[in-house]
Amino acid sequence: MKRLFYHGYSKHAFNIATLLLRVGFGVLMIPSHGWRKLSNFASMKEDFINFMGLGSTLSLGLATFAEFFCSLLLIFGLATRLATIPLIITMVVAFGKHNYIFFEKYDLIPAFIIGYLAILLLGPGKHSLDAMISKK
């Protein structure tokens, strides 16, 4: 019972937690967002948001890159902190685009923002390609 209220943590628990965050948020993003955009790119490019005047095709390309390819990097723990930056930007843009109302249809958007911010701050952890590369 005392262990439940212990405020410290072990390095092993920290590394498992970072692994779960990375893989969990990466896997959640790919099928519902990244893969959908990648596989339907041609049909979505005309109706996609024109972010900062970049054009809807380029905006969709950037969102697809973040949601699919950066999520893959996150899963493997490769360039982890760098990969979270496009994901955070994409989710912040999505948050603004959908005229967000809490407890409505788009509840996962703030969850993704919080998760990606946590990954950015915590880093990839020991169980990542980043850790393997930095040991060499």
C-alpha atoms as a PDB file:
ATOM      1  CA  MET A   1       0.000   0.000   0.000  1.00  0.00           C
ATOM      2  CA  LYS A   2       2.872   2.326   0.805  1.00  0.00           C
ATOM      3  CA  ARG A   3       4.209   1.876  -2.756  1.00  0.00           C
ATOM      4  CA  LEU A   4       0.994   3.354  -4.226  1.00  0.00           C
ATOM      5  CA  PHE A   5       1.658   6.667  -2.500  1.00  0.00           C
ATOM      6  CA  TYR A   6       5.399   6.757  -3.167  1.00  0.00           C
ATOM      7  CA  HIS A   7       6.252   9.943  -5.053  1.00  0.00           C
ATOM      8  CA  GLY A   8       9.565   8.809  -6.575  1.00  0.00           C
ATOM      9  CA  TYR A   9      10.133   6.685  -9.626  1.00  0.00           C
ATOM     10  CA  SER A  10      12.652   4.204 -10.899  1.00  0.00           C
ATOM     11  CA  LYS A  11      14.648   4.652 -14.103  1.00  0.00           C
ATOM     12  CA  HIS A  12      13.112   1.434 -15.437  1.00  0.00           C
ATOM     13  CA  ALA A  13       9.566   2.729 -14.854  1.00  0.00           C
ATOM     14  CA  PHE A  14      10.500   6.046 -16.492  1.00  0.00           C
ATOM     15  CA  ASN A  15      11.847   4.290 -19.588  1.00  0.00           C
ATOM     16  CA  ILE A  16       8.803   2.029 -19.861  1.00  0.00           C
ATOM     17  CA  ALA A  17       6.534   5.084 -19.505  1.00  0.00           C
ATOM     18  CA  THR A  18       8.345   6.947 -22.295  1.00  0.00           C
ATOM     19  CA  LEU A  19       8.102   3.855 -24.494  1.00  0.00           C
ATOM     20  CA  LEU A  20       4.358   3.586 -23.824  1.00  0.00           C
ATOM     21  CA  LEU A  21       3.815   7.278 -24.570  1.00  0.00           C
ATOM     22  CA  ARG A  22       5.763   7.189 -27.821  1.00  0.00           C
ATOM     23  CA  VAL A  23       4.304   3.968 -29.169  1.00  0.00           C
ATOM     24  CA  GLY A  24       0.799   4.683 -27.895  1.00  0.00           C
ATOM     25  CA  PHE A  25       0.476   8.155 -29.389  1.00  0.00           C
ATOM     26  CA  GLY A  26       2.219   7.097 -32.603  1.00  0.00           C
ATOM     27  CA  VAL A  27      -0.056   4.108 -33.105  1.00  0.00           C
ATOM     28  CA  LEU A  28      -3.180   6.120 -32.293  1.00  0.00           C
ATOM     29  CA  MET A  29      -2.325   8.815 -34.840  1.00  0.00           C
ATOM     30  CA  ILE A  30      -1.435   6.680 -37.853  1.00  0.00           C
ATOM     31  CA  PRO A  31      -4.643   4.790 -38.757  1.00  0.00           C
ATOM     32  CA  SER A  32      -7.253   7.433 -37.991  1.00  0.00           C
ATOM     33  CA  HIS A  33      -5.346  10.463 -39.267  1.00  0.00           C
ATOM     34  CA  GLY A  34      -2.054   9.820 -41.060  1.00  0.00           C
ATOM     35  CA  TRP A  35      -2.980   6.781 -43.128  1.00  0.00           C
ATOM     36  CA  ARG A  36      -6.390   8.236 -44.002  1.00  0.00           C
ATOM     37  CA  LYS A  37      -4.736  11.378 -45.367  1.00  0.00           C
ATOM     38  CA  LEU A  38      -1.975   9.452 -47.137  1.00  0.00           C
ATOM     39  CA  SER A  39      -4.334   7.015 -48.859  1.00  0.00           C
ATOM     40  CA  ASN A  40      -6.938   9.674 -49.793  1.00  0.00           C
ATOM     41  CA  PHE A  41      -4.513  12.486 -50.617  1.00  0.00           C
ATOM     42  CA  ALA A  42      -5.852  13.163 -54.128  1.00  0.00           C
ATOM     43  CA  SER A  43      -9.463  13.420 -53.034  1.00  0.00           C
ATOM     44  CA  MET A  44      -8.715  15.487 -49.910  1.00  0.00           C
ATOM     45  CA  LYS A  45      -6.321  18.072 -51.348  1.00  0.00           C
ATOM     46  CA  GLU A  46      -8.997  20.402 -52.769  1.00  0.00           C
ATOM     47  CA  ASP A  47     -11.044  20.677 -49.563  1.00  0.00           C
ATOM     48  CA  PHE A  48      -8.215  20.775 -47.023  1.00  0.00           C
ATOM     49  CA  ILE A  49      -7.465  23.876 -44.945  1.00  0.00           C
ATOM     50  CA  ASN A  50      -5.236  26.498 -46.595  1.00  0.00           C
ATOM     51  CA  PHE A  51      -2.901  27.066 -43.641  1.00  0.00           C
ATOM     52  CA  MET A  52      -1.206  30.492 -43.656  1.00  0.00           C
ATOM     53  CA  GLY A  53      -1.730  30.849 -47.417  1.00  0.00           C
ATOM     54  CA  LEU A  54       0.452  27.826 -48.233  1.00  0.00           C
ATOM     55  CA  GLY A  55      -2.265  26.259 -50.346  1.00  0.00           C
ATOM     56  CA  SER A  56      -4.454  23.320 -49.488  1.00  0.00           C
ATOM     57  CA  THR A  57      -2.224  20.747 -51.231  1.00  0.00           C
ATOM     58  CA  LEU A  58       0.935  21.806 -49.373  1.00  0.00           C
ATOM     59  CA  SER A  59      -0.995  22.089 -46.096  1.00  0.00           C
ATOM     60  CA  LEU A  60      -2.337  18.556 -46.553  1.00  0.00           C
ATOM     61  CA  GLY A  61       1.156  17.344 -47.424  1.00  0.00           C
ATOM     62  CA  LEU A  62       2.585  18.859 -44.241  1.00  0.00           C
ATOM     63  CA  ALA A  63      -0.218  17.389 -42.120  1.00  0.00           C
ATOM     64  CA  THR A  64       0.271  13.980 -43.762  1.00  0.00           C
ATOM     65  CA  PHE A  65       4.029  14.149 -43.170  1.00  0.00           C
ATOM     66  CA  ALA A  66       3.456  14.945 -39.496  1.00  0.00           C
ATOM     67  CA  GLU A  67       0.636  12.503 -38.829  1.00  0.00           C
ATOM     68  CA  PHE A  68       2.067   9.529 -40.713  1.00  0.00           C
ATOM     69  CA  PHE A  69       5.835   9.830 -41.037  1.00  0.00           C
ATOM     70  CA  CYS A  70       6.559  11.688 -37.782  1.00  0.00           C
ATOM     71  CA  SER A  71       4.331   9.186 -35.966  1.00  0.00           C
ATOM     72  CA  LEU A  72       6.452   6.366 -37.396  1.00  0.00           C
ATOM     73  CA  LEU A  73       9.581   8.126 -36.145  1.00  0.00           C
ATOM     74  CA  LEU A  74       7.935   8.429 -32.743  1.00  0.00           C
ATOM     75  CA  ILE A  75       7.082   4.732 -32.591  1.00  0.00           C
ATOM     76  CA  PHE A  76      10.686   3.759 -33.278  1.00  0.00           C
ATOM     77  CA  GLY A  77      12.113   6.525 -31.124  1.00  0.00           C
ATOM     78  CA  LEU A  78      14.139   8.049 -33.939  1.00  0.00           C
ATOM     79  CA  ALA A  79      14.633  11.839 -33.888  1.00  0.00           C
ATOM     80  CA  THR A  80      11.919  11.773 -31.252  1.00  0.00           C
ATOM     81  CA  ARG A  81      11.978  15.353 -30.023  1.00  0.00           C
ATOM     82  CA  LEU A  82      12.307  16.697 -33.557  1.00  0.00           C
ATOM     83  CA  ALA A  83       9.412  14.499 -34.751  1.00  0.00           C
ATOM     84  CA  THR A  84       7.079  15.810 -32.045  1.00  0.00           C
ATOM     85  CA  ILE A  85       7.347  19.423 -33.213  1.00  0.00           C
ATOM     86  CA  PRO A  86       5.380  18.962 -36.502  1.00  0.00           C
ATOM     87  CA  LEU A  87       2.865  16.812 -34.613  1.00  0.00           C
ATOM     88  CA  ILE A  88       2.299  19.530 -32.006  1.00  0.00           C
ATOM     89  CA  ILE A  89       1.926  22.206 -34.709  1.00  0.00           C
ATOM     90  CA  THR A  90      -0.521  20.034 -36.662  1.00  0.00           C
ATOM     91  CA  MET A  91      -2.647  19.368 -33.580  1.00  0.00           C
ATOM     92  CA  VAL A  92      -2.666  23.055 -32.572  1.00  0.00           C
ATOM     93  CA  VAL A  93      -3.827  23.977 -36.098  1.00  0.00           C
ATOM     94  CA  ALA A  94      -6.500  21.255 -35.947  1.00  0.00           C
ATOM     95  CA  PHE A  95      -7.567  22.571 -32.540  1.00  0.00           C
ATOM     96  CA  GLY A  96      -8.094  26.046 -34.012  1.00  0.00           C
ATOM     97  CA  LYS A  97      -9.663  24.821 -37.248  1.00  0.00           C
ATOM     98  CA  HIS A  98     -12.430  22.835 -35.621  1.00  0.00           C
ATOM     99  CA  ASN A  99     -13.728  25.702 -33.430  1.00  0.00           C
ATOM    100  CA  TYR A 100     -13.049  23.441 -30.526  1.00  0.00           C
ATOM    101  CA  ILE A 101     -15.626  22.997 -27.779  1.00  0.00           C
ATOM    102  CA  PHE A 102     -14.599  20.830 -24.831  1.00  0.00           C
ATOM    103  CA  PHE A 103     -16.397  17.496 -24.471  1.00  0.00           C
ATOM    104  CA  GLU A 104     -17.565  17.552 -28.066  1.00  0.00           C
ATOM    105  CA  LYS A 105     -16.559  15.613 -31.174  1.00  0.00           C
ATOM    106  CA  TYR A 106     -12.820  16.445 -31.207  1.00  0.00           C
ATOM    107  CA  ASP A 107     -11.807  15.465 -27.668  1.00  0.00           C
ATOM    108  CA  LEU A 108      -8.654  13.674 -28.809  1.00  0.00           C
ATOM    109  CA  ILE A 109      -7.037  16.830 -30.191  1.00  0.00           C
ATOM    110  CA  PRO A 110      -6.078  18.290 -26.779  1.00  0.00           C
ATOM    111  CA  ALA A 111      -5.081  14.803 -25.602  1.00  0.00           C
ATOM    112  CA  PHE A 112      -2.675  14.528 -28.538  1.00  0.00           C
ATOM    113  CA  ILE A 113      -1.273  17.999 -27.805  1.00  0.00           C
ATOM    114  CA  ILE A 114      -0.667  17.114 -24.160  1.00  0.00           C
ATOM    115  CA  GLY A 115       0.855  13.732 -25.046  1.00  0.00           C
ATOM    116  CA  TYR A 116       3.193  15.198 -27.654  1.00  0.00           C
ATOM    117  CA  LEU A 117       4.271  17.965 -25.275  1.00  0.00           C
ATOM    118  CA  ALA A 118       5.053  15.319 -22.648  1.00  0.00           C
ATOM    119  CA  ILE A 119       7.107  13.331 -25.171  1.00  0.00           C
ATOM    120  CA  LEU A 120       8.937  16.489 -26.222  1.00  0.00           C
ATOM    121  CA  LEU A 121       9.848  17.238 -22.605  1.00  0.00           C
ATOM    122  CA  LEU A 122      10.651  13.669 -21.534  1.00  0.00           C
ATOM    123  CA  GLY A 123      12.522  12.570 -24.638  1.00  0.00           C
ATOM    124  CA  PRO A 124      12.619   9.097 -26.155  1.00  0.00           C
ATOM    125  CA  GLY A 125      13.813   7.093 -23.159  1.00  0.00           C
ATOM    126  CA  LYS A 126      16.193   4.148 -23.104  1.00  0.00           C
ATOM    127  CA  HIS A 127      14.068   1.868 -25.317  1.00  0.00           C
ATOM    128  CA  SER A 128      14.469   3.857 -28.538  1.00  0.00           C
ATOM    129  CA  LEU A 129      16.651   4.092 -31.601  1.00  0.00           C
ATOM    130  CA  ASP A 130      17.809   7.504 -30.373  1.00  0.00           C
ATOM    131  CA  ALA A 131      19.256   5.856 -27.255  1.00  0.00           C
ATOM    132  CA  MET A 132      20.900   3.096 -29.301  1.00  0.00           C
ATOM    133  CA  ILE A 133      22.471   5.622 -31.690  1.00  0.00           C
ATOM    134  CA  SER A 134      23.735   7.893 -28.925  1.00  0.00           C
ATOM    135  CA  LYS A 135      25.549   4.960 -27.215  1.00  0.00           C
ATOM    136  CA  LYS A 136      27.792   4.427 -30.254  1.00  0.00           C
END
